[in-house]
Amino acid sequence: MDQDLVEALEFLLGRDDDGALFDRETPEGGYRSQGLENALKTIRRKLRARPD
């Protein structure tokens, strides 16, 4: 798997002590940060570029 994709997935899959997904770059209960938006764009771009 591409290293950029792996890093983006690891960013998205951060979990708090209760196991809930969280955005590491915003205050508690915050909106999506630019970092999360960038990670989502990376994943979408990599998935579109994958050969079938």
PDB file of N, CA and C in Angstrom:
ATOM      1  N   MET A   1       0.845  -1.182   0.000  1.00  0.00           N
ATOM      2  CA  MET A   1       0.000   0.000   0.000  1.00  0.00           C
ATOM      3  C   MET A   1       0.885   1.238   0.000  1.00  0.00           C
ATOM      4  N   ASP A   2       0.466   2.269  -0.661  1.00  0.00           N
ATOM      5  CA  ASP A   2       1.210   3.514  -0.739  1.00  0.00           C
ATOM      6  C   ASP A   2       1.363   4.139   0.648  1.00  0.00           C
ATOM      7  N   GLN A   3       2.556   4.641   0.964  1.00  0.00           N
ATOM      8  CA  GLN A   3       2.829   5.207   2.291  1.00  0.00           C
ATOM      9  C   GLN A   3       1.931   6.400   2.600  1.00  0.00           C
ATOM     10  N   ASP A   4       1.635   7.256   1.612  1.00  0.00           N
ATOM     11  CA  ASP A   4       0.731   8.388   1.840  1.00  0.00           C
ATOM     12  C   ASP A   4      -0.649   7.907   2.271  1.00  0.00           C
ATOM     13  N   LEU A   5      -1.131   6.848   1.635  1.00  0.00           N
ATOM     14  CA  LEU A   5      -2.442   6.305   1.974  1.00  0.00           C
ATOM     15  C   LEU A   5      -2.431   5.710   3.375  1.00  0.00           C
ATOM     16  N   VAL A   6      -1.382   4.980   3.710  1.00  0.00           N
ATOM     17  CA  VAL A   6      -1.268   4.398   5.049  1.00  0.00           C
ATOM     18  C   VAL A   6      -1.283   5.494   6.108  1.00  0.00           C
ATOM     19  N   GLU A   7      -0.516   6.548   5.897  1.00  0.00           N
ATOM     20  CA  GLU A   7      -0.468   7.646   6.864  1.00  0.00           C
ATOM     21  C   GLU A   7      -1.825   8.331   6.992  1.00  0.00           C
ATOM     22  N   ALA A   8      -2.523   8.510   5.889  1.00  0.00           N
ATOM     23  CA  ALA A   8      -3.846   9.131   5.935  1.00  0.00           C
ATOM     24  C   ALA A   8      -4.831   8.255   6.699  1.00  0.00           C
ATOM     25  N   LEU A   9      -4.779   6.953   6.467  1.00  0.00           N
ATOM     26  CA  LEU A   9      -5.664   6.036   7.185  1.00  0.00           C
ATOM     27  C   LEU A   9      -5.366   6.031   8.678  1.00  0.00           C
ATOM     28  N   GLU A  10      -4.096   6.027   9.043  1.00  0.00           N
ATOM     29  CA  GLU A  10      -3.737   6.065  10.459  1.00  0.00           C
ATOM     30  C   GLU A  10      -4.254   7.344  11.106  1.00  0.00           C
ATOM     31  N   PHE A  11      -4.196   8.450  10.379  1.00  0.00           N
ATOM     32  CA  PHE A  11      -4.707   9.723  10.891  1.00  0.00           C
ATOM     33  C   PHE A  11      -6.211   9.633  11.144  1.00  0.00           C
ATOM     34  N   LEU A  12      -6.926   9.082  10.198  1.00  0.00           N
ATOM     35  CA  LEU A  12      -8.380   8.991  10.314  1.00  0.00           C
ATOM     36  C   LEU A  12      -8.825   8.008  11.381  1.00  0.00           C
ATOM     37  N   LEU A  13      -8.042   6.995  11.625  1.00  0.00           N
ATOM     38  CA  LEU A  13      -8.452   5.938  12.539  1.00  0.00           C
ATOM     39  C   LEU A  13      -8.003   6.162  13.967  1.00  0.00           C
ATOM     40  N   GLY A  14      -7.633   7.377  14.321  1.00  0.00           N
ATOM     41  CA  GLY A  14      -7.325   7.687  15.704  1.00  0.00           C
ATOM     42  C   GLY A  14      -8.561   7.468  16.563  1.00  0.00           C
ATOM     43  N   ARG A  15      -8.381   6.889  17.761  1.00  0.00           N
ATOM     44  CA  ARG A  15      -9.510   6.621  18.648  1.00  0.00           C
ATOM     45  C   ARG A  15      -9.193   7.131  20.042  1.00  0.00           C
ATOM     46  N   ASP A  16     -10.231   7.605  20.723  1.00  0.00           N
ATOM     47  CA  ASP A  16     -10.040   8.041  22.098  1.00  0.00           C
ATOM     48  C   ASP A  16     -10.117   6.838  23.035  1.00  0.00           C
ATOM     49  N   ASP A  17     -10.063   7.072  24.342  1.00  0.00           N
ATOM     50  CA  ASP A  17     -10.073   5.980  25.321  1.00  0.00           C
ATOM     51  C   ASP A  17     -11.348   5.148  25.268  1.00  0.00           C
ATOM     52  N   ASP A  18     -12.436   5.735  24.792  1.00  0.00           N
ATOM     53  CA  ASP A  18     -13.711   5.020  24.679  1.00  0.00           C
ATOM     54  C   ASP A  18     -13.856   4.298  23.345  1.00  0.00           C
ATOM     55  N   GLY A  19     -12.867   4.428  22.465  1.00  0.00           N
ATOM     56  CA  GLY A  19     -12.909   3.769  21.168  1.00  0.00           C
ATOM     57  C   GLY A  19     -13.584   4.575  20.073  1.00  0.00           C
ATOM     58  N   ALA A  20     -14.003   5.792  20.392  1.00  0.00           N
ATOM     59  CA  ALA A  20     -14.658   6.632  19.389  1.00  0.00           C
ATOM     60  C   ALA A  20     -13.617   7.279  18.478  1.00  0.00           C
ATOM     61  N   LEU A  21     -13.955   7.392  17.185  1.00  0.00           N
ATOM     62  CA  LEU A  21     -13.067   8.081  16.247  1.00  0.00           C
ATOM     63  C   LEU A  21     -13.019   9.561  16.590  1.00  0.00           C
ATOM     64  N   PHE A  22     -11.872  10.166  16.421  1.00  0.00           N
ATOM     65  CA  PHE A  22     -11.772  11.596  16.682  1.00  0.00           C
ATOM     66  C   PHE A  22     -10.831  12.260  15.697  1.00  0.00           C
ATOM     67  N   ASP A  23     -11.020  13.539  15.544  1.00  0.00           N
ATOM     68  CA  ASP A  23     -10.171  14.381  14.702  1.00  0.00           C
ATOM     69  C   ASP A  23      -9.096  14.961  15.608  1.00  0.00           C
ATOM     70  N   ARG A  24      -7.864  14.611  15.371  1.00  0.00           N
ATOM     71  CA  ARG A  24      -6.770  14.993  16.264  1.00  0.00           C
ATOM     72  C   ARG A  24      -6.432  16.479  16.247  1.00  0.00           C
ATOM     73  N   GLU A  25      -6.923  17.229  15.271  1.00  0.00           N
ATOM     74  CA  GLU A  25      -6.492  18.618  15.121  1.00  0.00           C
ATOM     75  C   GLU A  25      -7.536  19.653  15.513  1.00  0.00           C
ATOM     76  N   THR A  26      -8.678  19.244  16.031  1.00  0.00           N
ATOM     77  CA  THR A  26      -9.689  20.214  16.437  1.00  0.00           C
ATOM     78  C   THR A  26      -9.994  20.060  17.914  1.00  0.00           C
ATOM     79  N   PRO A  27     -10.537  21.091  18.533  1.00  0.00           N
ATOM     80  CA  PRO A  27     -10.949  20.970  19.932  1.00  0.00           C
ATOM     81  C   PRO A  27     -12.037  19.902  20.071  1.00  0.00           C
ATOM     82  N   GLU A  28     -12.244  19.421  21.276  1.00  0.00           N
ATOM     83  CA  GLU A  28     -13.257  18.398  21.532  1.00  0.00           C
ATOM     84  C   GLU A  28     -14.602  18.830  20.951  1.00  0.00           C
ATOM     85  N   GLY A  29     -15.228  17.940  20.209  1.00  0.00           N
ATOM     86  CA  GLY A  29     -16.513  18.246  19.595  1.00  0.00           C
ATOM     87  C   GLY A  29     -16.427  19.185  18.408  1.00  0.00           C
ATOM     88  N   GLY A  30     -15.213  19.401  17.911  1.00  0.00           N
ATOM     89  CA  GLY A  30     -15.016  20.358  16.828  1.00  0.00           C
ATOM     90  C   GLY A  30     -15.394  19.812  15.471  1.00  0.00           C
ATOM     91  N   TYR A  31     -15.292  20.687  14.505  1.00  0.00           N
ATOM     92  CA  TYR A  31     -15.551  20.321  13.121  1.00  0.00           C
ATOM     93  C   TYR A  31     -14.312  19.664  12.524  1.00  0.00           C
ATOM     94  N   ARG A  32     -14.452  19.175  11.311  1.00  0.00           N
ATOM     95  CA  ARG A  32     -13.301  18.591  10.624  1.00  0.00           C
ATOM     96  C   ARG A  32     -12.218  19.644  10.447  1.00  0.00           C
ATOM     97  N   SER A  33     -11.009  19.277  10.791  1.00  0.00           N
ATOM     98  CA  SER A  33      -9.879  20.183  10.608  1.00  0.00           C
ATOM     99  C   SER A  33      -9.378  20.095   9.171  1.00  0.00           C
ATOM    100  N   GLN A  34      -8.490  21.004   8.817  1.00  0.00           N
ATOM    101  CA  GLN A  34      -7.877  20.953   7.492  1.00  0.00           C
ATOM    102  C   GLN A  34      -7.070  19.669   7.339  1.00  0.00           C
ATOM    103  N   GLY A  35      -6.435  19.207   8.413  1.00  0.00           N
ATOM    104  CA  GLY A  35      -5.682  17.953   8.351  1.00  0.00           C
ATOM    105  C   GLY A  35      -6.562  16.773   7.992  1.00  0.00           C
ATOM    106  N   LEU A  36      -7.748  16.716   8.566  1.00  0.00           N
ATOM    107  CA  LEU A  36      -8.671  15.633   8.246  1.00  0.00           C
ATOM    108  C   LEU A  36      -9.180  15.761   6.821  1.00  0.00           C
ATOM    109  N   GLU A  37      -9.487  16.970   6.397  1.00  0.00           N
ATOM    110  CA  GLU A  37      -9.908  17.177   5.008  1.00  0.00           C
ATOM    111  C   GLU A  37      -8.818  16.722   4.044  1.00  0.00           C
ATOM    112  N   ASN A  38      -7.562  17.044   4.340  1.00  0.00           N
ATOM    113  CA  ASN A  38      -6.441  16.622   3.488  1.00  0.00           C
ATOM    114  C   ASN A  38      -6.323  15.105   3.457  1.00  0.00           C
ATOM    115  N   ALA A  39      -6.508  14.455   4.601  1.00  0.00           N
ATOM    116  CA  ALA A  39      -6.436  12.994   4.659  1.00  0.00           C
ATOM    117  C   ALA A  39      -7.536  12.372   3.803  1.00  0.00           C
ATOM    118  N   LEU A  40      -8.748  12.894   3.889  1.00  0.00           N
ATOM    119  CA  LEU A  40      -9.845  12.378   3.076  1.00  0.00           C
ATOM    120  C   LEU A  40      -9.560  12.548   1.586  1.00  0.00           C
ATOM    121  N   LYS A  41      -9.021  13.700   1.196  1.00  0.00           N
ATOM    122  CA  LYS A  41      -8.674  13.937  -0.211  1.00  0.00           C
ATOM    123  C   LYS A  41      -7.610  12.954  -0.684  1.00  0.00           C
ATOM    124  N   THR A  42      -6.618  12.678   0.162  1.00  0.00           N
ATOM    125  CA  THR A  42      -5.559  11.732  -0.190  1.00  0.00           C
ATOM    126  C   THR A  42      -6.136  10.347  -0.428  1.00  0.00           C
ATOM    127  N   ILE A  43      -7.004   9.902   0.453  1.00  0.00           N
ATOM    128  CA  ILE A  43      -7.609   8.576   0.315  1.00  0.00           C
ATOM    129  C   ILE A  43      -8.434   8.501  -0.958  1.00  0.00           C
ATOM    130  N   ARG A  44      -9.255   9.497  -1.201  1.00  0.00           N
ATOM    131  CA  ARG A  44     -10.081   9.484  -2.416  1.00  0.00           C
ATOM    132  C   ARG A  44      -9.219   9.478  -3.674  1.00  0.00           C
ATOM    133  N   ARG A  45      -8.176  10.302  -3.689  1.00  0.00           N
ATOM    134  CA  ARG A  45      -7.284  10.369  -4.852  1.00  0.00           C
ATOM    135  C   ARG A  45      -6.590   9.026  -5.082  1.00  0.00           C
ATOM    136  N   LYS A  46      -6.105   8.406  -4.011  1.00  0.00           N
ATOM    137  CA  LYS A  46      -5.397   7.134  -4.149  1.00  0.00           C
ATOM    138  C   LYS A  46      -6.338   6.023  -4.601  1.00  0.00           C
ATOM    139  N   LEU A  47      -7.563   6.024  -4.095  1.00  0.00           N
ATOM    140  CA  LEU A  47      -8.515   4.992  -4.496  1.00  0.00           C
ATOM    141  C   LEU A  47      -8.911   5.144  -5.959  1.00  0.00           C
ATOM    142  N   ARG A  48      -9.056   6.380  -6.432  1.00  0.00           N
ATOM    143  CA  ARG A  48      -9.384   6.602  -7.849  1.00  0.00           C
ATOM    144  C   ARG A  48      -8.234   6.173  -8.755  1.00  0.00           C
ATOM    145  N   ALA A  49      -7.012   6.292  -8.279  1.00  0.00           N
ATOM    146  CA  ALA A  49      -5.838   5.980  -9.095  1.00  0.00           C
ATOM    147  C   ALA A  49      -5.508   4.488  -9.118  1.00  0.00           C
ATOM    148  N   ARG A  50      -6.144   3.708  -8.256  1.00  0.00           N
ATOM    149  CA  ARG A  50      -5.841   2.272  -8.196  1.00  0.00           C
ATOM    150  C   ARG A  50      -6.308   1.563  -9.459  1.00  0.00           C
ATOM    151  N   PRO A  51      -5.464   0.704 -10.008  1.00  0.00           N
ATOM    152  CA  PRO A  51      -5.909  -0.102 -11.153  1.00  0.00           C
ATOM    153  C   PRO A  51      -6.883  -1.177 -10.668  1.00  0.00           C
ATOM    154  N   ASP A  52      -7.898  -1.459 -11.461  1.00  0.00           N
ATOM    155  CA  ASP A  52      -8.892  -2.485 -11.081  1.00  0.00           C
ATOM    156  C   ASP A  52      -8.401  -3.869 -11.381  1.00  0.00           C
TER     157      ASP A  52
END
